[in-house]
Amino acid sequence: MSPTCPCGSNRPLAECCGPYLDGTAWPAEAGILMRSRYAAYALGRYDWLVQSTHPDFREGITAEKIAEQSKGVRWLRLDVGKCLKDAPVGVNGELYDIVEFHAFYELDGIPRQLGERSFFSRKDDKLYYVDGVALRPEGYRRPAPKVGRNDPCPCGSGKKYKKCCAAAAG
């Protein structure tokens, strides 16, 4: 049985992104191409990243460079957001398929995230990755307001937090 595809589909690799990574099939939709590119990063199949980049935008891109940049990265999860087909983009109104995603990874033991609005274009009846624009990371929101040391204690004692519950906590 094939291992599960890292793209998050919960399908076996052989029935999901595997045929794209092996070169036996080509994705017809931008969302699928983007997922296959994530799987390529996660599995170290960097040749697919070069092949699936639009030929007009491959200058300086090699599997060796991508491998070097990916050293020490452990891919954790992919969240796919908005997908648009044939959206007019650019000064000349060129049509691109667009996919927004957040990829979560670990580097040097620190969890991180990468967000991107990716642009895909067709050439010779194939869809290719063109470029992307970084999205801001999703912010962390505290479940309760932060209490400073000199703020009134939230327990209602009337004392400063540092002299009340903070001192009791330790």
Protein backbone atom coordinates (compact mmCIF):
# COMPACT_ATOMS: atom_id res chain seq x y z
CA MET A 1 0.00 0.00 0.00
CA SER A 2 1.21 3.48 -0.88
CA PRO A 3 2.00 5.98 1.89
CA THR A 4 -0.45 8.85 2.43
CA CYS A 5 0.15 11.89 0.25
CA PRO A 6 1.64 14.79 2.25
CA CYS A 7 -0.60 17.33 0.45
CA GLY A 8 -3.34 16.77 3.04
CA SER A 9 -5.82 14.89 0.83
CA ASN A 10 -5.63 11.77 3.07
CA ARG A 11 -5.37 9.71 -0.13
CA PRO A 12 -2.55 7.29 -0.98
CA LEU A 13 0.37 9.03 -2.71
CA ALA A 14 0.00 6.74 -5.75
CA GLU A 15 -3.62 7.90 -6.22
CA CYS A 16 -2.97 11.59 -5.49
CA CYS A 17 0.21 13.55 -6.27
CA GLY A 18 2.44 10.54 -7.02
CA PRO A 19 1.70 10.37 -10.78
CA TYR A 20 2.59 14.08 -11.15
CA LEU A 21 5.84 13.67 -9.22
CA ASP A 22 6.71 10.62 -11.35
CA GLY A 23 5.97 12.48 -14.59
CA THR A 24 3.20 10.11 -15.73
CA ALA A 25 0.45 12.75 -15.45
CA TRP A 26 0.06 16.54 -15.43
CA PRO A 27 -2.38 18.45 -13.18
CA ALA A 28 -5.26 20.14 -14.98
CA GLU A 29 -6.17 22.53 -12.13
CA ALA A 30 -4.08 25.08 -10.24
CA GLY A 31 -5.14 23.76 -6.83
CA ILE A 32 -3.95 20.28 -7.72
CA LEU A 33 -0.69 21.59 -9.18
CA MET A 34 -0.06 23.61 -6.02
CA ARG A 35 -0.75 20.55 -3.82
CA SER A 36 1.65 18.47 -5.93
CA ARG A 37 4.33 21.14 -5.52
CA TYR A 38 3.86 21.03 -1.73
CA ALA A 39 4.15 17.22 -1.86
CA ALA A 40 7.37 17.60 -3.88
CA TYR A 41 8.87 19.85 -1.19
CA ALA A 42 7.77 17.47 1.58
CA LEU A 43 9.19 14.41 -0.21
CA GLY A 44 12.35 16.02 -1.59
CA ARG A 45 11.23 15.56 -5.21
CA TYR A 46 12.74 18.85 -6.35
CA ASP A 47 12.84 17.96 -10.06
CA TRP A 48 9.04 18.30 -10.14
CA LEU A 49 9.33 21.84 -8.80
CA VAL A 50 11.56 22.78 -11.73
CA GLN A 51 9.40 20.95 -14.31
CA SER A 52 6.16 22.50 -13.02
CA THR A 53 7.56 26.05 -13.08
CA HIS A 54 6.58 27.97 -16.22
CA PRO A 55 9.43 27.66 -18.78
CA ASP A 56 9.61 31.47 -19.12
CA PHE A 57 10.29 31.76 -15.35
CA ARG A 58 12.82 28.95 -14.75
CA GLU A 59 15.98 31.00 -15.10
CA GLY A 60 18.29 30.19 -12.22
CA ILE A 61 15.98 27.53 -10.77
CA THR A 62 17.56 24.11 -10.30
CA ALA A 63 16.67 21.08 -8.23
CA GLU A 64 20.06 21.39 -6.51
CA LYS A 65 19.40 25.00 -5.42
CA ILE A 66 15.95 24.08 -4.10
CA ALA A 67 17.43 21.12 -2.20
CA GLU A 68 20.05 23.39 -0.64
CA GLN A 69 17.39 25.94 0.43
CA SER A 70 15.24 23.15 1.88
CA LYS A 71 17.89 21.64 4.16
CA GLY A 72 16.61 21.12 7.68
CA VAL A 73 12.96 21.91 6.79
CA ARG A 74 10.30 19.46 7.98
CA TRP A 75 6.95 20.10 6.32
CA LEU A 76 3.99 19.71 8.68
CA ARG A 77 0.73 20.72 7.00
CA LEU A 78 -0.88 22.48 4.06
CA ASP A 79 -4.04 24.60 4.27
CA VAL A 80 -5.50 25.62 0.92
CA GLY A 81 -7.65 28.72 0.76
CA LYS A 82 -9.14 30.60 -2.16
CA CYS A 83 -8.78 29.21 -5.72
CA LEU A 84 -9.65 31.39 -8.73
CA LYS A 85 -9.65 30.43 -12.39
CA ASP A 86 -8.75 32.84 -15.21
CA ALA A 87 -8.46 35.92 -12.98
CA PRO A 88 -7.22 39.06 -14.76
CA VAL A 89 -3.90 40.08 -13.17
CA GLY A 90 -1.15 42.48 -14.12
CA VAL A 91 -0.97 45.69 -16.09
CA ASN A 92 -2.03 44.01 -19.33
CA GLY A 93 -4.86 42.03 -17.73
CA GLU A 94 -3.20 38.65 -18.30
CA LEU A 95 -5.31 35.73 -17.10
CA TYR A 96 -3.92 33.56 -14.32
CA ASP A 97 -5.30 30.87 -12.08
CA ILE A 98 -4.70 31.85 -8.45
CA VAL A 99 -4.37 29.71 -5.32
CA GLU A 100 -3.91 31.02 -1.79
CA PHE A 101 -2.40 28.71 0.81
CA HIS A 102 -0.57 28.49 4.13
CA ALA A 103 2.12 25.83 4.54
CA PHE A 104 3.32 24.97 8.03
CA TYR A 105 6.83 23.69 8.61
CA GLU A 106 9.54 23.33 11.22
CA LEU A 107 13.08 24.67 10.90
CA ASP A 108 15.68 24.34 13.67
CA GLY A 109 12.94 23.04 15.96
CA ILE A 110 10.85 26.21 15.52
CA PRO A 111 7.37 25.94 13.96
CA ARG A 112 6.83 28.44 11.15
CA GLN A 113 4.36 29.20 8.40
CA LEU A 114 4.54 30.37 4.83
CA GLY A 115 1.55 31.98 3.14
CA GLU A 116 1.39 32.71 -0.56
CA ARG A 117 -0.97 33.82 -3.30
CA SER A 118 0.37 31.72 -6.19
CA PHE A 119 -0.12 32.50 -9.87
CA PHE A 120 -0.41 29.79 -12.54
CA SER A 121 -0.44 30.16 -16.31
CA ARG A 122 -0.88 27.85 -19.30
CA LYS A 123 1.64 27.11 -22.02
CA ASP A 124 1.22 24.41 -24.66
CA ASP A 125 -1.99 23.21 -22.93
CA LYS A 126 -0.19 22.67 -19.60
CA LEU A 127 -0.65 24.65 -16.40
CA TYR A 128 2.54 25.92 -14.74
CA TYR A 129 3.51 27.81 -11.59
CA VAL A 130 4.59 31.36 -12.46
CA ASP A 131 5.22 33.26 -9.24
CA GLY A 132 3.75 34.09 -5.86
CA VAL A 133 3.14 36.95 -3.48
CA ALA A 134 3.65 36.40 0.24
CA LEU A 135 0.60 36.52 2.50
CA ARG A 136 0.87 37.75 6.06
CA PRO A 137 0.98 34.99 8.66
CA GLU A 138 -2.22 34.30 10.51
CA GLY A 139 -2.01 36.18 13.80
CA TYR A 140 -2.19 34.62 17.22
CA ARG A 141 -5.02 35.92 19.38
CA ARG A 142 -4.87 35.40 23.13
CA PRO A 143 -7.95 33.79 24.67
CA ALA A 144 -7.88 36.41 27.46
CA PRO A 145 -6.35 39.88 27.75
CA LYS A 146 -2.70 40.01 28.77
CA VAL A 147 -2.18 41.16 32.35
CA GLY A 148 0.96 43.20 33.01
CA ARG A 149 2.87 43.01 36.29
CA ASN A 150 1.69 46.46 37.40
CA ASP A 151 -1.93 46.06 36.23
CA PRO A 152 -4.71 45.52 38.77
CA CYS A 153 -5.06 41.80 39.54
CA PRO A 154 -7.93 40.22 37.57
CA CYS A 155 -9.08 38.39 40.74
CA GLY A 156 -10.53 41.68 42.01
CA SER A 157 -8.39 42.00 45.15
CA GLY A 158 -7.42 45.59 44.35
CA LYS A 159 -3.73 44.73 44.51
CA LYS A 160 -1.26 44.87 41.66
CA TYR A 161 -1.01 41.58 39.77
CA LYS A 162 2.68 41.14 40.76
CA LYS A 163 1.80 41.35 44.48
CA CYS A 164 -1.25 39.08 44.22
CA CYS A 165 -1.87 36.15 41.85
CA ALA A 166 1.51 36.41 40.07
CA ALA A 167 3.35 36.10 43.38
CA ALA A 168 1.16 33.17 44.41
CA ALA A 169 1.80 31.41 41.08
CA GLY A 170 5.36 31.44 41.71
